[in-house]
Amino acid sequence: MTNAAESDTSPGKKIRDLEKENRKLRKKIKGLKKTMDITSRHGDIVAEELEEKVEASVREIEARIRMISETIPVPIIISRISDGKISYINDHSCHVFGFAHDEFLKQYAPNLYENPADRQIFLKKLSEHGRVSNFEVRLKKKDGKPIWGGLSSQPLNFKNESCVLTVIYDLTERRKAEDEIRSLKEQLDQKEIKYLIFILDEVEYCIEILKVREIIGMMPITAVPNRPAYVKGVINLRGRVVPVTDLRLRLGLKNTAYTDRTCIIITESGDREHNTVTGIIVDAVSDVRGVRVGDIESLSALNFRPDSSLISGIIRSEGDVKILISSGYL
């Protein structure tokens, strides 16, 4: 007869205990599987909901981009950064570049550049600064005609792709105006204006010949009281009273005696109804010479006193310079 201690340690007892533990483990595994299955299904549902929300958000953003772009009266283009494939264009883009809508969406952004190398410069700026502002470049329309564009761009995710949104401002008319101004300026620089050359203290000065009415020799001058020293007085020029100033003194140069070469230049300014006639005393008159406008340099300041406003510029001429007098301040 087997005692109780032996029955507790018998192989049969151990097998029964193991089976009992196995049942417990299988029950736990079953519970874990059930929990995992529930968690997995819940995770799939959550993932699907998140994906739907993301897609809805993307669709909403894309819809807003379209709505905004159609209300802005300038071309807006969205293209892939990798190869430039155009993903979106607004109606203004079609109008400016001359493509039909479906035709435009088959194009690549690099093909819109007149010089393809400019596209690489654009992408480099975008990479370095994260955005591009007022990048002026020559583009081309469908028919090959050039168009100047000012590009302002920034990257964005569009249709789950890395893209760049570009707003293009048409600068063609502005550039044409700038070119025309530049051409006119070049023509003006080559235009010659006649100047009367005269001497003061052995230095050549000049005044526009159209402002010179005549040149006369020295004649009696009637002094006018309480006037600056450079105002010598007035003369009677064929019945007209004309004020006369000594240009030497007005420019702050030293006084000197008049000679037989000293003369009075009669100048006039203004229009026919309100013209001003003035006489200026100079040491001598030397020449009349044509000067190109491009050879005249304006002065922001010149250390002449007391009347530096009389000096309107410097003329570069044959290795030296001449000082240009403004007749409006005589």
Protein backbone atom coordinates (compact mmCIF):
# COMPACT_ATOMS: atom_id res chain seq x y z
CA MET A 1 0.00 0.00 0.00
CA THR A 2 1.39 3.41 -1.04
CA ASN A 3 1.56 6.07 1.64
CA ALA A 4 0.45 9.75 1.23
CA ALA A 5 4.00 11.10 0.98
CA GLU A 6 4.77 8.83 -1.96
CA SER A 7 1.53 9.77 -3.72
CA ASP A 8 2.42 13.46 -3.50
CA THR A 9 5.71 12.87 -5.27
CA SER A 10 4.65 10.23 -7.76
CA PRO A 11 5.18 10.81 -11.52
CA GLY A 12 1.42 10.77 -12.03
CA LYS A 13 1.01 13.61 -9.64
CA LYS A 14 3.70 15.65 -11.39
CA ILE A 15 2.11 15.08 -14.79
CA ARG A 16 -1.26 16.18 -13.45
CA ASP A 17 0.32 19.34 -12.00
CA LEU A 18 2.06 20.10 -15.30
CA GLU A 19 -1.18 19.61 -17.21
CA LYS A 20 -2.91 21.94 -14.81
CA GLU A 21 -0.21 24.57 -15.30
CA ASN A 22 -0.41 24.09 -19.10
CA ARG A 23 -4.16 24.69 -19.01
CA LYS A 24 -3.56 27.88 -17.05
CA LEU A 25 -0.89 28.99 -19.52
CA ARG A 26 -3.11 28.18 -22.51
CA LYS A 27 -5.87 30.19 -20.91
CA LYS A 28 -3.50 33.12 -20.40
CA ILE A 29 -2.20 32.82 -23.99
CA LYS A 30 -5.77 32.74 -25.28
CA GLY A 31 -6.57 35.84 -23.26
CA LEU A 32 -3.44 37.58 -24.51
CA LYS A 33 -4.29 36.66 -28.11
CA LYS A 34 -7.77 38.01 -27.63
CA THR A 35 -6.40 41.22 -26.15
CA MET A 36 -3.86 41.51 -28.98
CA ASP A 37 -6.57 40.91 -31.55
CA ILE A 38 -8.77 43.60 -30.00
CA THR A 39 -5.82 45.98 -29.76
CA SER A 40 -4.81 45.28 -33.35
CA ARG A 41 -8.33 45.89 -34.65
CA HIS A 42 -8.53 49.07 -32.60
CA GLY A 43 -5.12 50.15 -33.91
CA ASP A 44 -6.22 49.56 -37.49
CA ILE A 45 -9.34 51.63 -36.85
CA VAL A 46 -7.32 54.43 -35.26
CA ALA A 47 -4.78 54.33 -38.11
CA GLU A 48 -7.55 54.45 -40.70
CA GLU A 49 -9.18 57.36 -38.89
CA LEU A 50 -5.87 59.22 -38.69
CA GLU A 51 -5.16 58.55 -42.37
CA GLU A 52 -8.61 59.78 -43.31
CA LYS A 53 -8.10 62.92 -41.23
CA VAL A 54 -4.71 63.56 -42.83
CA GLU A 55 -6.10 63.04 -46.32
CA ALA A 56 -9.05 65.33 -45.53
CA SER A 57 -6.65 67.95 -44.20
CA VAL A 58 -4.46 67.66 -47.33
CA ARG A 59 -7.53 67.93 -49.57
CA GLU A 60 -8.68 70.99 -47.63
CA ILE A 61 -5.24 72.64 -47.93
CA GLU A 62 -5.09 71.89 -51.65
CA ALA A 63 -8.60 73.27 -52.10
CA ARG A 64 -7.60 76.45 -50.27
CA ILE A 65 -4.49 76.79 -52.44
CA ARG A 66 -6.63 76.50 -55.55
CA MET A 67 -9.21 78.98 -54.27
CA ILE A 68 -6.57 81.54 -53.26
CA SER A 69 -4.54 81.13 -56.44
CA GLU A 70 -7.55 81.73 -58.65
CA THR A 71 -8.33 85.00 -56.88
CA ILE A 72 -4.78 86.36 -57.25
CA PRO A 73 -4.32 88.02 -60.67
CA VAL A 74 -0.78 86.68 -61.19
CA PRO A 75 0.55 83.30 -62.36
CA ILE A 76 0.89 80.66 -59.63
CA ILE A 77 2.67 77.39 -60.39
CA ILE A 78 3.29 74.37 -58.15
CA SER A 79 6.01 72.01 -59.37
CA ARG A 80 7.95 69.05 -57.99
CA ILE A 81 11.33 70.03 -56.59
CA SER A 82 12.99 66.82 -57.83
CA ASP A 83 12.39 67.20 -61.57
CA GLY A 84 10.24 70.31 -61.97
CA LYS A 85 7.12 68.43 -63.14
CA ILE A 86 4.23 70.88 -62.91
CA SER A 87 1.48 69.71 -60.54
CA TYR A 88 -0.80 72.74 -60.50
CA ILE A 89 -1.31 76.02 -62.37
CA ASN A 90 -3.98 78.70 -62.14
CA ASP A 91 -5.81 80.34 -65.04
CA HIS A 92 -3.51 83.38 -64.96
CA SER A 93 -0.53 81.10 -65.67
CA CYS A 94 -2.27 79.79 -68.79
CA HIS A 95 -3.07 83.33 -69.91
CA VAL A 96 0.48 84.63 -69.46
CA PHE A 97 2.39 81.63 -70.86
CA GLY A 98 -0.08 80.73 -73.62
CA PHE A 99 -0.69 77.07 -72.71
CA ALA A 100 -4.03 75.31 -72.43
CA HIS A 101 -4.67 74.03 -68.89
CA ASP A 102 -4.21 70.29 -69.60
CA GLU A 103 -1.24 71.06 -71.85
CA PHE A 104 0.43 73.12 -69.14
CA LEU A 105 0.17 70.27 -66.59
CA LYS A 106 2.33 68.12 -68.89
CA GLN A 107 5.17 70.66 -68.80
CA TYR A 108 8.26 70.85 -66.60
CA ALA A 109 9.33 74.03 -64.84
CA PRO A 110 12.90 74.01 -66.28
CA ASN A 111 11.40 74.31 -69.78
CA LEU A 112 9.88 77.68 -68.82
CA TYR A 113 13.35 79.21 -68.33
CA GLU A 114 15.02 80.90 -71.28
CA ASN A 115 18.35 79.86 -69.81
CA PRO A 116 18.10 76.41 -68.10
CA ALA A 117 21.06 77.30 -65.85
CA ASP A 118 18.86 79.89 -64.14
CA ARG A 119 16.70 77.05 -62.78
CA GLN A 120 19.73 75.66 -60.93
CA ILE A 121 20.47 79.10 -59.48
CA PHE A 122 16.84 79.30 -58.36
CA LEU A 123 16.98 75.87 -56.68
CA LYS A 124 20.27 76.74 -54.97
CA LYS A 125 18.72 79.88 -53.47
CA LEU A 126 15.70 77.86 -52.36
CA SER A 127 17.95 75.26 -50.71
CA GLU A 128 20.16 77.83 -48.98
CA HIS A 129 17.46 80.20 -47.70
CA GLY A 130 14.36 77.99 -47.49
CA ARG A 131 12.49 80.38 -49.77
CA VAL A 132 13.08 82.71 -52.73
CA SER A 133 11.97 86.34 -52.99
CA ASN A 134 11.98 88.59 -56.06
CA PHE A 135 14.25 86.40 -58.17
CA GLU A 136 14.29 88.23 -61.53
CA VAL A 137 14.81 85.93 -64.50
CA ARG A 138 14.00 85.65 -68.20
CA LEU A 139 11.31 83.04 -68.88
CA LYS A 140 9.68 82.04 -72.14
CA LYS A 141 6.12 81.53 -73.34
CA LYS A 142 4.79 78.61 -75.35
CA ASP A 143 5.64 80.43 -78.60
CA GLY A 144 9.19 81.11 -77.39
CA LYS A 145 8.69 84.82 -76.76
CA PRO A 146 10.62 86.04 -73.71
CA ILE A 147 9.00 87.28 -70.55
CA TRP A 148 10.71 88.82 -67.53
CA GLY A 149 9.44 87.30 -64.30
CA GLY A 150 9.96 88.11 -60.63
CA LEU A 151 9.75 84.78 -58.78
CA SER A 152 8.75 84.45 -55.12
CA SER A 153 8.66 80.84 -53.94
CA GLN A 154 8.47 78.57 -50.95
CA PRO A 155 8.40 74.78 -50.55
CA LEU A 156 5.24 72.87 -49.64
CA ASN A 157 3.86 69.33 -49.66
CA PHE A 158 1.33 68.98 -52.48
CA LYS A 159 -0.35 65.69 -53.36
CA ASN A 160 2.09 63.94 -50.98
CA GLU A 161 5.09 65.21 -52.95
CA SER A 162 7.83 67.72 -52.13
CA CYS A 163 6.95 70.71 -54.28
CA VAL A 164 7.59 74.41 -54.58
CA LEU A 165 4.86 77.03 -54.92
CA THR A 166 5.94 79.95 -57.12
CA VAL A 167 4.19 83.27 -57.64
CA ILE A 168 5.37 84.99 -60.83
CA TYR A 169 5.13 88.75 -61.25
CA ASP A 170 5.30 89.87 -64.88
CA LEU A 171 8.15 92.39 -65.09
CA THR A 172 8.26 92.55 -68.89
CA GLU A 173 6.79 96.04 -69.26
CA ARG A 174 8.96 97.38 -66.44
CA ARG A 175 12.07 95.92 -68.06
CA LYS A 176 11.10 97.39 -71.42
CA ALA A 177 10.71 100.80 -69.79
CA GLU A 178 14.09 100.43 -68.08
CA ASP A 179 15.73 99.46 -71.38
CA GLU A 180 14.11 102.42 -73.12
CA ILE A 181 15.27 104.80 -70.38
CA ARG A 182 18.77 103.34 -70.61
CA SER A 183 18.78 103.76 -74.40
CA LEU A 184 17.52 107.34 -74.18
CA LYS A 185 20.13 108.14 -71.55
CA GLU A 186 22.87 106.74 -73.79
CA GLN A 187 21.59 108.88 -76.66
CA LEU A 188 21.41 111.89 -74.37
CA ASP A 189 24.95 111.27 -73.17
CA GLN A 190 26.13 111.49 -76.77
CA LYS A 191 24.16 114.66 -77.48
CA GLU A 192 26.22 117.83 -77.66
CA ILE A 193 25.30 121.14 -76.08
CA LYS A 194 27.06 124.37 -76.99
CA TYR A 195 28.73 126.27 -74.15
CA LEU A 196 30.38 129.67 -73.97
CA ILE A 197 33.81 129.37 -72.35
CA PHE A 198 35.07 132.30 -70.27
CA ILE A 199 37.93 132.98 -67.88
CA LEU A 200 37.96 133.86 -64.18
CA ASP A 201 41.29 134.01 -62.35
CA GLU A 202 42.94 131.93 -65.11
CA VAL A 203 40.36 129.14 -64.74
CA GLU A 204 37.92 128.18 -67.50
CA TYR A 205 34.22 128.40 -66.72
CA CYS A 206 31.30 127.84 -69.06
CA ILE A 207 27.65 128.67 -69.48
CA GLU A 208 25.10 127.20 -71.88
CA ILE A 209 25.16 129.29 -75.06
CA LEU A 210 21.36 129.32 -75.29
CA LYS A 211 21.32 131.32 -72.03
CA VAL A 212 23.67 133.96 -73.47
CA ARG A 213 21.93 136.92 -75.07
CA GLU A 214 25.03 138.87 -76.05
CA ILE A 215 28.56 139.87 -74.99
CA ILE A 216 29.46 143.55 -74.55
CA GLY A 217 32.55 145.44 -73.46
CA MET A 218 32.78 147.28 -70.16
CA MET A 219 30.56 150.34 -69.94
CA PRO A 220 29.50 152.82 -67.22
CA ILE A 221 27.76 151.08 -64.30
CA THR A 222 25.49 152.98 -61.92
CA ALA A 223 25.97 151.81 -58.32
CA VAL A 224 22.93 150.80 -56.26
CA PRO A 225 23.16 151.52 -52.49
CA ASN A 226 22.86 148.81 -49.81
CA ARG A 227 23.72 145.96 -52.15
CA PRO A 228 26.31 143.14 -51.66
CA ALA A 229 29.82 144.01 -52.86
CA TYR A 230 29.54 141.71 -55.86
CA VAL A 231 26.51 143.66 -57.16
CA LYS A 232 28.25 146.40 -59.13
CA GLY A 233 25.02 148.20 -60.06
CA VAL A 234 22.91 148.56 -63.23
CA ILE A 235 23.52 149.50 -66.86
CA ASN A 236 21.28 150.97 -69.54
CA LEU A 237 21.26 148.40 -72.33
CA ARG A 238 19.40 150.01 -75.23
CA GLY A 239 16.70 151.36 -72.94
CA ARG A 240 16.50 148.35 -70.62
CA VAL A 241 17.91 148.50 -67.09
CA VAL A 242 20.07 145.42 -66.49
CA PRO A 243 21.64 144.50 -63.11
CA VAL A 244 25.35 143.64 -63.28
CA THR A 245 27.34 141.45 -60.89
CA ASP A 246 31.05 140.76 -60.71
CA LEU A 247 31.24 136.96 -60.97
CA ARG A 248 34.71 136.92 -59.42
CA LEU A 249 33.43 138.47 -56.22
CA ARG A 250 30.23 136.43 -56.18
CA LEU A 251 32.27 133.23 -56.28
CA GLY A 252 34.53 134.44 -53.51
CA LEU A 253 37.59 134.96 -55.72
CA LYS A 254 40.05 137.81 -55.15
CA ASN A 255 39.25 141.23 -56.62
CA THR A 256 41.36 142.50 -59.52
CA ALA A 257 41.48 145.49 -61.83
CA TYR A 258 39.50 145.36 -65.06
CA THR A 259 41.48 145.11 -68.33
CA ASP A 260 40.70 145.62 -71.98
CA ARG A 261 39.71 141.95 -72.16
CA THR A 262 37.19 142.30 -69.32
CA CYS A 263 33.63 142.07 -70.63
CA ILE A 264 30.02 141.69 -69.59
CA ILE A 265 28.06 138.58 -70.59
CA ILE A 266 24.34 139.35 -70.85
CA THR A 267 22.34 136.26 -69.86
CA GLU A 268 18.64 135.56 -69.77
CA SER A 269 16.53 132.90 -68.09
CA GLY A 270 12.86 132.08 -67.82
CA ASP A 271 10.24 132.23 -70.59
CA ARG A 272 9.32 135.05 -72.95
CA GLU A 273 6.76 136.53 -70.60
CA HIS A 274 8.84 136.30 -67.43
CA ASN A 275 12.45 136.31 -68.58
CA THR A 276 15.23 137.71 -66.40
CA VAL A 277 18.14 139.54 -67.98
CA THR A 278 21.38 139.81 -66.01
CA GLY A 279 24.93 140.95 -66.76
CA ILE A 280 28.00 139.17 -65.34
CA ILE A 281 31.51 140.60 -65.45
CA VAL A 282 34.22 138.09 -66.44
CA ASP A 283 37.96 138.40 -67.11
CA ALA A 284 37.66 137.31 -70.75
CA VAL A 285 35.67 135.20 -73.20
CA SER A 286 37.68 132.47 -74.93
CA ASP A 287 35.60 130.09 -77.03
CA VAL A 288 32.28 128.41 -77.89
CA ARG A 289 32.50 124.65 -77.65
CA GLY A 290 30.22 121.63 -77.99
CA VAL A 291 30.14 119.36 -74.94
CA ARG A 292 28.57 115.90 -74.71
CA VAL A 293 26.03 115.54 -71.93
CA GLY A 294 27.85 112.41 -70.80
CA ASP A 295 30.95 114.50 -70.09
CA ILE A 296 29.08 116.62 -67.53
CA GLU A 297 29.22 115.51 -63.92
CA SER A 298 26.83 117.01 -61.40
CA LEU A 299 28.08 118.09 -58.00
CA SER A 300 26.48 117.32 -54.68
CA ALA A 301 28.68 119.94 -53.06
CA LEU A 302 31.54 122.22 -53.99
CA ASN A 303 33.44 124.39 -51.55
CA PHE A 304 32.70 127.72 -53.20
CA ARG A 305 31.47 130.64 -51.14
CA PRO A 306 29.35 132.58 -50.76
CA ASP A 307 27.21 131.29 -53.65
CA SER A 308 27.97 127.62 -54.37
CA SER A 309 24.50 127.26 -55.94
CA LEU A 310 25.99 129.00 -58.98
CA ILE A 311 28.07 125.90 -59.72
CA SER A 312 25.94 123.20 -61.34
CA GLY A 313 28.60 120.77 -62.48
CA ILE A 314 32.02 119.93 -63.87
CA ILE A 315 32.79 119.33 -67.54
CA ARG A 316 35.52 116.86 -68.43
CA SER A 317 37.23 118.18 -71.53
CA GLU A 318 40.51 117.24 -73.26
CA GLY A 319 42.37 116.20 -70.15
CA ASP A 320 41.20 119.09 -67.96
CA VAL A 321 37.99 120.29 -66.37
CA LYS A 322 35.75 123.29 -66.72
CA ILE A 323 33.33 124.62 -64.13
CA LEU A 324 29.74 124.86 -65.26
CA ILE A 325 27.80 127.94 -64.17
CA SER A 326 24.02 127.71 -63.70
CA SER A 327 22.42 130.73 -65.36
CA GLY A 328 19.29 130.28 -63.22
CA TYR A 329 21.16 131.56 -60.18
CA LEU A 330 22.91 134.56 -61.76
